[in-house]
Amino acid sequence: TTKPLKDLDIIIFEMVDRSLTPNGVATQHPTDFEIMSIIWKNWLKGSGCKHVELYKAVADKKLMLERLKNFLKVI
């Protein structure tokens, strides 16, 4: 009944999806990322987090920085 993460904003980068081939093709559906996103978002929101974003692993540093900037604008 308590909310231990009350009013916390969370951003998670670099979630690696094991269900993708090296070329990025899904080998199963739903993918690991889709399943873990649902589980993590549900738990974090249920724990009181105000804002939650999760992202797949990418090699583009500019993309990651843009996502972080956008996240900071929201909070």
PDB file of N, CA and C in Angstrom:
ATOM      1  N   THR A   1       0.810  -1.200   0.000  1.00  0.00           N
ATOM      2  CA  THR A   1       0.000   0.000   0.000  1.00  0.00           C
ATOM      3  C   THR A   1       0.856   1.269   0.000  1.00  0.00           C
ATOM      4  N   THR A   2       2.150   1.135   0.213  1.00  0.00           N
ATOM      5  CA  THR A   2       3.006   2.316   0.172  1.00  0.00           C
ATOM      6  C   THR A   2       3.534   2.505  -1.243  1.00  0.00           C
ATOM      7  N   LYS A   3       3.994   3.684  -1.545  1.00  0.00           N
ATOM      8  CA  LYS A   3       4.543   4.016  -2.852  1.00  0.00           C
ATOM      9  C   LYS A   3       6.009   4.414  -2.659  1.00  0.00           C
ATOM     10  N   PRO A   4       6.938   3.425  -2.587  1.00  0.00           N
ATOM     11  CA  PRO A   4       8.332   3.717  -2.271  1.00  0.00           C
ATOM     12  C   PRO A   4       9.044   4.579  -3.313  1.00  0.00           C
ATOM     13  N   LEU A   5       8.531   4.667  -4.525  1.00  0.00           N
ATOM     14  CA  LEU A   5       9.169   5.481  -5.563  1.00  0.00           C
ATOM     15  C   LEU A   5       8.310   6.703  -5.899  1.00  0.00           C
ATOM     16  N   LYS A   6       7.547   7.163  -4.913  1.00  0.00           N
ATOM     17  CA  LYS A   6       6.606   8.254  -5.122  1.00  0.00           C
ATOM     18  C   LYS A   6       7.280   9.466  -5.744  1.00  0.00           C
ATOM     19  N   ASP A   7       6.664   9.966  -6.804  1.00  0.00           N
ATOM     20  CA  ASP A   7       7.090  11.189  -7.488  1.00  0.00           C
ATOM     21  C   ASP A   7       8.457  11.084  -8.170  1.00  0.00           C
ATOM     22  N   LEU A   8       8.939   9.878  -8.399  1.00  0.00           N
ATOM     23  CA  LEU A   8      10.224   9.690  -9.066  1.00  0.00           C
ATOM     24  C   LEU A   8      10.009   9.599 -10.574  1.00  0.00           C
ATOM     25  N   ASP A   9      10.923  10.185 -11.338  1.00  0.00           N
ATOM     26  CA  ASP A   9      10.913  10.084 -12.794  1.00  0.00           C
ATOM     27  C   ASP A   9      12.044   9.147 -13.197  1.00  0.00           C
ATOM     28  N   ILE A  10      11.754   8.162 -14.066  1.00  0.00           N
ATOM     29  CA  ILE A  10      12.729   7.126 -14.420  1.00  0.00           C
ATOM     30  C   ILE A  10      12.896   7.057 -15.926  1.00  0.00           C
ATOM     31  N   ILE A  11      14.154   7.017 -16.377  1.00  0.00           N
ATOM     32  CA  ILE A  11      14.458   6.740 -17.771  1.00  0.00           C
ATOM     33  C   ILE A  11      15.469   5.593 -17.789  1.00  0.00           C
ATOM     34  N   ILE A  12      15.191   4.580 -18.589  1.00  0.00           N
ATOM     35  CA  ILE A  12      16.076   3.413 -18.676  1.00  0.00           C
ATOM     36  C   ILE A  12      16.573   3.304 -20.108  1.00  0.00           C
ATOM     37  N   PHE A  13      17.880   3.356 -20.265  1.00  0.00           N
ATOM     38  CA  PHE A  13      18.518   3.220 -21.567  1.00  0.00           C
ATOM     39  C   PHE A  13      19.159   1.843 -21.690  1.00  0.00           C
ATOM     40  N   GLU A  14      19.394   1.437 -22.917  1.00  0.00           N
ATOM     41  CA  GLU A  14      20.195   0.257 -23.227  1.00  0.00           C
ATOM     42  C   GLU A  14      19.579  -1.064 -22.806  1.00  0.00           C
ATOM     43  N   MET A  15      18.291  -1.221 -22.980  1.00  0.00           N
ATOM     44  CA  MET A  15      17.684  -2.534 -22.762  1.00  0.00           C
ATOM     45  C   MET A  15      17.994  -3.379 -23.992  1.00  0.00           C
ATOM     46  N   VAL A  16      18.717  -4.444 -23.807  1.00  0.00           N
ATOM     47  CA  VAL A  16      19.121  -5.305 -24.922  1.00  0.00           C
ATOM     48  C   VAL A  16      18.041  -6.358 -25.157  1.00  0.00           C
ATOM     49  N   ASP A  17      17.586  -6.448 -26.391  1.00  0.00           N
ATOM     50  CA  ASP A  17      16.534  -7.391 -26.768  1.00  0.00           C
ATOM     51  C   ASP A  17      17.167  -8.669 -27.297  1.00  0.00           C
ATOM     52  N   ARG A  18      17.172  -9.727 -26.494  1.00  0.00           N
ATOM     53  CA  ARG A  18      17.792 -10.999 -26.881  1.00  0.00           C
ATOM     54  C   ARG A  18      17.025 -11.728 -27.974  1.00  0.00           C
ATOM     55  N   SER A  19      15.791 -11.294 -28.249  1.00  0.00           N
ATOM     56  CA  SER A  19      14.991 -11.988 -29.254  1.00  0.00           C
ATOM     57  C   SER A  19      15.238 -11.459 -30.668  1.00  0.00           C
ATOM     58  N   LEU A  20      16.216 -10.559 -30.816  1.00  0.00           N
ATOM     59  CA  LEU A  20      16.560 -10.041 -32.139  1.00  0.00           C
ATOM     60  C   LEU A  20      17.829 -10.702 -32.667  1.00  0.00           C
ATOM     61  N   THR A  21      17.865 -10.925 -33.975  1.00  0.00           N
ATOM     62  CA  THR A  21      19.083 -11.425 -34.612  1.00  0.00           C
ATOM     63  C   THR A  21      20.085 -10.277 -34.678  1.00  0.00           C
ATOM     64  N   PRO A  22      21.353 -10.555 -35.017  1.00  0.00           N
ATOM     65  CA  PRO A  22      22.332  -9.467 -35.162  1.00  0.00           C
ATOM     66  C   PRO A  22      21.897  -8.397 -36.177  1.00  0.00           C
ATOM     67  N   ASN A  23      21.027  -8.772 -37.110  1.00  0.00           N
ATOM     68  CA  ASN A  23      20.513  -7.812 -38.098  1.00  0.00           C
ATOM     69  C   ASN A  23      19.287  -7.058 -37.600  1.00  0.00           C
ATOM     70  N   GLY A  24      18.834  -7.350 -36.389  1.00  0.00           N
ATOM     71  CA  GLY A  24      17.709  -6.647 -35.810  1.00  0.00           C
ATOM     72  C   GLY A  24      16.345  -7.225 -36.128  1.00  0.00           C
ATOM     73  N   VAL A  25      16.306  -8.452 -36.625  1.00  0.00           N
ATOM     74  CA  VAL A  25      15.044  -9.102 -36.966  1.00  0.00           C
ATOM     75  C   VAL A  25      14.542  -9.901 -35.759  1.00  0.00           C
ATOM     76  N   ALA A  26      13.272  -9.718 -35.418  1.00  0.00           N
ATOM     77  CA  ALA A  26      12.691 -10.427 -34.277  1.00  0.00           C
ATOM     78  C   ALA A  26      12.557 -11.913 -34.570  1.00  0.00           C
ATOM     79  N   THR A  27      12.989 -12.738 -33.627  1.00  0.00           N
ATOM     80  CA  THR A  27      12.883 -14.191 -33.771  1.00  0.00           C
ATOM     81  C   THR A  27      11.643 -14.738 -33.084  1.00  0.00           C
ATOM     82  N   GLN A  28      10.991 -13.907 -32.270  1.00  0.00           N
ATOM     83  CA  GLN A  28       9.769 -14.315 -31.584  1.00  0.00           C
ATOM     84  C   GLN A  28       8.930 -13.077 -31.291  1.00  0.00           C
ATOM     85  N   HIS A  29       7.628 -13.297 -31.129  1.00  0.00           N
ATOM     86  CA  HIS A  29       6.708 -12.201 -30.826  1.00  0.00           C
ATOM     87  C   HIS A  29       5.817 -12.621 -29.678  1.00  0.00           C
ATOM     88  N   PRO A  30       5.588 -11.807 -28.682  1.00  0.00           N
ATOM     89  CA  PRO A  30       6.207 -10.506 -28.515  1.00  0.00           C
ATOM     90  C   PRO A  30       7.700 -10.647 -28.223  1.00  0.00           C
ATOM     91  N   THR A  31       8.433  -9.593 -28.491  1.00  0.00           N
ATOM     92  CA  THR A  31       9.883  -9.620 -28.279  1.00  0.00           C
ATOM     93  C   THR A  31      10.205  -9.465 -26.794  1.00  0.00           C
ATOM     94  N   ASP A  32      11.450  -9.772 -26.435  1.00  0.00           N
ATOM     95  CA  ASP A  32      11.889  -9.589 -25.043  1.00  0.00           C
ATOM     96  C   ASP A  32      11.672  -8.149 -24.601  1.00  0.00           C
ATOM     97  N   PHE A  33      12.013  -7.197 -25.476  1.00  0.00           N
ATOM     98  CA  PHE A  33      11.865  -5.784 -25.121  1.00  0.00           C
ATOM     99  C   PHE A  33      10.405  -5.435 -24.841  1.00  0.00           C
ATOM    100  N   GLU A  34       9.496  -5.930 -25.665  1.00  0.00           N
ATOM    101  CA  GLU A  34       8.079  -5.640 -25.461  1.00  0.00           C
ATOM    102  C   GLU A  34       7.588  -6.201 -24.127  1.00  0.00           C
ATOM    103  N   ILE A  35       7.995  -7.412 -23.811  1.00  0.00           N
ATOM    104  CA  ILE A  35       7.586  -8.038 -22.549  1.00  0.00           C
ATOM    105  C   ILE A  35       8.175  -7.299 -21.358  1.00  0.00           C
ATOM    106  N   MET A  36       9.482  -7.037 -21.395  1.00  0.00           N
ATOM    107  CA  MET A  36      10.137  -6.369 -20.270  1.00  0.00           C
ATOM    108  C   MET A  36       9.641  -4.940 -20.094  1.00  0.00           C
ATOM    109  N   SER A  37       9.314  -4.265 -21.194  1.00  0.00           N
ATOM    110  CA  SER A  37       8.775  -2.905 -21.086  1.00  0.00           C
ATOM    111  C   SER A  37       7.463  -2.904 -20.316  1.00  0.00           C
ATOM    112  N   ILE A  38       6.596  -3.843 -20.634  1.00  0.00           N
ATOM    113  CA  ILE A  38       5.309  -3.928 -19.949  1.00  0.00           C
ATOM    114  C   ILE A  38       5.519  -4.214 -18.459  1.00  0.00           C
ATOM    115  N   ILE A  39       6.387  -5.173 -18.155  1.00  0.00           N
ATOM    116  CA  ILE A  39       6.638  -5.545 -16.754  1.00  0.00           C
ATOM    117  C   ILE A  39       7.239  -4.379 -15.976  1.00  0.00           C
ATOM    118  N   TRP A  40       8.300  -3.773 -16.518  1.00  0.00           N
ATOM    119  CA  TRP A  40       8.967  -2.666 -15.822  1.00  0.00           C
ATOM    120  C   TRP A  40       8.046  -1.459 -15.658  1.00  0.00           C
ATOM    121  N   LYS A  41       7.345  -1.069 -16.725  1.00  0.00           N
ATOM    122  CA  LYS A  41       6.457   0.094 -16.628  1.00  0.00           C
ATOM    123  C   LYS A  41       5.350  -0.149 -15.611  1.00  0.00           C
ATOM    124  N   ASN A  42       4.770  -1.333 -15.621  1.00  0.00           N
ATOM    125  CA  ASN A  42       3.703  -1.665 -14.678  1.00  0.00           C
ATOM    126  C   ASN A  42       4.217  -1.589 -13.243  1.00  0.00           C
ATOM    127  N   TRP A  43       5.378  -2.181 -12.983  1.00  0.00           N
ATOM    128  CA  TRP A  43       5.928  -2.175 -11.626  1.00  0.00           C
ATOM    129  C   TRP A  43       6.319  -0.764 -11.185  1.00  0.00           C
ATOM    130  N   LEU A  44       6.993  -0.014 -12.062  1.00  0.00           N
ATOM    131  CA  LEU A  44       7.437   1.336 -11.702  1.00  0.00           C
ATOM    132  C   LEU A  44       6.251   2.270 -11.479  1.00  0.00           C
ATOM    133  N   LYS A  45       5.257   2.209 -12.356  1.00  0.00           N
ATOM    134  CA  LYS A  45       4.062   3.046 -12.173  1.00  0.00           C
ATOM    135  C   LYS A  45       3.310   2.633 -10.901  1.00  0.00           C
ATOM    136  N   GLY A  46       3.216   1.333 -10.656  1.00  0.00           N
ATOM    137  CA  GLY A  46       2.565   0.840  -9.454  1.00  0.00           C
ATOM    138  C   GLY A  46       3.312   1.207  -8.184  1.00  0.00           C
ATOM    139  N   SER A  47       4.597   1.486  -8.311  1.00  0.00           N
ATOM    140  CA  SER A  47       5.414   1.889  -7.164  1.00  0.00           C
ATOM    141  C   SER A  47       5.396   3.396  -6.950  1.00  0.00           C
ATOM    142  N   GLY A  48       4.659   4.102  -7.804  1.00  0.00           N
ATOM    143  CA  GLY A  48       4.493   5.536  -7.597  1.00  0.00           C
ATOM    144  C   GLY A  48       5.267   6.443  -8.536  1.00  0.00           C
ATOM    145  N   CYS A  49       6.024   5.893  -9.481  1.00  0.00           N
ATOM    146  CA  CYS A  49       6.785   6.742 -10.403  1.00  0.00           C
ATOM    147  C   CYS A  49       5.842   7.609 -11.210  1.00  0.00           C
ATOM    148  N   LYS A  50       6.207   8.882 -11.365  1.00  0.00           N
ATOM    149  CA  LYS A  50       5.372   9.806 -12.124  1.00  0.00           C
ATOM    150  C   LYS A  50       5.536   9.612 -13.627  1.00  0.00           C
ATOM    151  N   HIS A  51       6.772   9.449 -14.068  1.00  0.00           N
ATOM    152  CA  HIS A  51       7.066   9.400 -15.504  1.00  0.00           C
ATOM    153  C   HIS A  51       8.107   8.315 -15.750  1.00  0.00           C
ATOM    154  N   VAL A  52       7.817   7.402 -16.691  1.00  0.00           N
ATOM    155  CA  VAL A  52       8.711   6.284 -16.982  1.00  0.00           C
ATOM    156  C   VAL A  52       8.914   6.168 -18.486  1.00  0.00           C
ATOM    157  N   GLU A  53      10.179   6.059 -18.918  1.00  0.00           N
ATOM    158  CA  GLU A  53      10.506   5.809 -20.318  1.00  0.00           C
ATOM    159  C   GLU A  53      11.567   4.728 -20.381  1.00  0.00           C
ATOM    160  N   LEU A  54      11.413   3.787 -21.323  1.00  0.00           N
ATOM    161  CA  LEU A  54      12.382   2.713 -21.524  1.00  0.00           C
ATOM    162  C   LEU A  54      12.782   2.695 -22.995  1.00  0.00           C
ATOM    163  N   TYR A  55      14.069   2.468 -23.249  1.00  0.00           N
ATOM    164  CA  TYR A  55      14.572   2.479 -24.618  1.00  0.00           C
ATOM    165  C   TYR A  55      15.455   1.277 -24.900  1.00  0.00           C
ATOM    166  N   LYS A  56      15.356   0.808 -26.147  1.00  0.00           N
ATOM    167  CA  LYS A  56      16.229  -0.270 -26.618  1.00  0.00           C
ATOM    168  C   LYS A  56      17.648   0.246 -26.766  1.00  0.00           C
ATOM    169  N   ALA A  57      18.595  -0.678 -26.774  1.00  0.00           N
ATOM    170  CA  ALA A  57      19.995  -0.328 -27.000  1.00  0.00           C
ATOM    171  C   ALA A  57      20.170   0.151 -28.431  1.00  0.00           C
ATOM    172  N   VAL A  58      20.862   1.283 -28.598  1.00  0.00           N
ATOM    173  CA  VAL A  58      21.199   1.802 -29.920  1.00  0.00           C
ATOM    174  C   VAL A  58      22.635   2.295 -29.896  1.00  0.00           C
ATOM    175  N   ALA A  59      23.243   2.352 -31.060  1.00  0.00           N
ATOM    176  CA  ALA A  59      24.635   2.793 -31.156  1.00  0.00           C
ATOM    177  C   ALA A  59      24.763   4.288 -31.417  1.00  0.00           C
ATOM    178  N   ASP A  60      23.662   4.963 -31.688  1.00  0.00           N
ATOM    179  CA  ASP A  60      23.671   6.379 -32.055  1.00  0.00           C
ATOM    180  C   ASP A  60      23.647   7.269 -30.809  1.00  0.00           C
ATOM    181  N   LYS A  61      24.797   7.847 -30.497  1.00  0.00           N
ATOM    182  CA  LYS A  61      24.925   8.695 -29.308  1.00  0.00           C
ATOM    183  C   LYS A  61      24.006   9.912 -29.385  1.00  0.00           C
ATOM    184  N   LYS A  62      23.860  10.491 -30.571  1.00  0.00           N
ATOM    185  CA  LYS A  62      23.000  11.669 -30.734  1.00  0.00           C
ATOM    186  C   LYS A  62      21.546  11.339 -30.422  1.00  0.00           C
ATOM    187  N   LEU A  63      21.103  10.168 -30.847  1.00  0.00           N
ATOM    188  CA  LEU A  63      19.733   9.742 -30.571  1.00  0.00           C
ATOM    189  C   LEU A  63      19.508   9.606 -29.069  1.00  0.00           C
ATOM    190  N   MET A  64      20.454   9.010 -28.382  1.00  0.00           N
ATOM    191  CA  MET A  64      20.318   8.837 -26.931  1.00  0.00           C
ATOM    192  C   MET A  64      20.285  10.189 -26.218  1.00  0.00           C
ATOM    193  N   LEU A  65      21.138  11.120 -26.641  1.00  0.00           N
ATOM    194  CA  LEU A  65      21.153  12.447 -26.021  1.00  0.00           C
ATOM    195  C   LEU A  65      19.852  13.195 -26.296  1.00  0.00           C
ATOM    196  N   GLU A  66      19.301  13.037 -27.495  1.00  0.00           N
ATOM    197  CA  GLU A  66      18.031  13.672 -27.825  1.00  0.00           C
ATOM    198  C   GLU A  66      16.904  13.110 -26.950  1.00  0.00           C
ATOM    199  N   ARG A  67      16.903  11.813 -26.751  1.00  0.00           N
ATOM    200  CA  ARG A  67      15.898  11.193 -25.887  1.00  0.00           C
ATOM    201  C   ARG A  67      16.020  11.702 -24.457  1.00  0.00           C
ATOM    202  N   LEU A  68      17.248  11.838 -23.971  1.00  0.00           N
ATOM    203  CA  LEU A  68      17.471  12.344 -22.622  1.00  0.00           C
ATOM    204  C   LEU A  68      17.000  13.794 -22.502  1.00  0.00           C
ATOM    205  N   LYS A  69      17.314  14.629 -23.479  1.00  0.00           N
ATOM    206  CA  LYS A  69      16.856  16.020 -23.468  1.00  0.00           C
ATOM    207  C   LYS A  69      15.344  16.098 -23.439  1.00  0.00           C
ATOM    208  N   ASN A  70      14.673  15.279 -24.260  1.00  0.00           N
ATOM    209  CA  ASN A  70      13.219  15.278 -24.292  1.00  0.00           C
ATOM    210  C   ASN A  70      12.634  14.823 -22.955  1.00  0.00           C
ATOM    211  N   PHE A  71      13.271  13.835 -22.338  1.00  0.00           N
ATOM    212  CA  PHE A  71      12.825  13.352 -21.027  1.00  0.00           C
ATOM    213  C   PHE A  71      12.936  14.465 -19.983  1.00  0.00           C
ATOM    214  N   LEU A  72      14.042  15.177 -20.009  1.00  0.00           N
ATOM    215  CA  LEU A  72      14.256  16.254 -19.030  1.00  0.00           C
ATOM    216  C   LEU A  72      13.275  17.398 -19.231  1.00  0.00           C
ATOM    217  N   LYS A  73      12.823  17.631 -20.459  1.00  0.00           N
ATOM    218  CA  LYS A  73      11.832  18.676 -20.723  1.00  0.00           C
ATOM    219  C   LYS A  73      10.489  18.328 -20.100  1.00  0.00           C
ATOM    220  N   VAL A  74      10.184  17.033 -20.054  1.00  0.00           N
ATOM    221  CA  VAL A  74       8.890  16.583 -19.529  1.00  0.00           C
ATOM    222  C   VAL A  74       8.829  16.705 -18.019  1.00  0.00           C
ATOM    223  N   ILE A  75       9.952  16.424 -17.346  1.00  0.00           N
ATOM    224  CA  ILE A  75       9.916  16.423 -15.881  1.00  0.00           C
ATOM    225  C   ILE A  75      10.122  17.775 -15.328  1.00  0.00           C
TER     226      ILE A  75
END
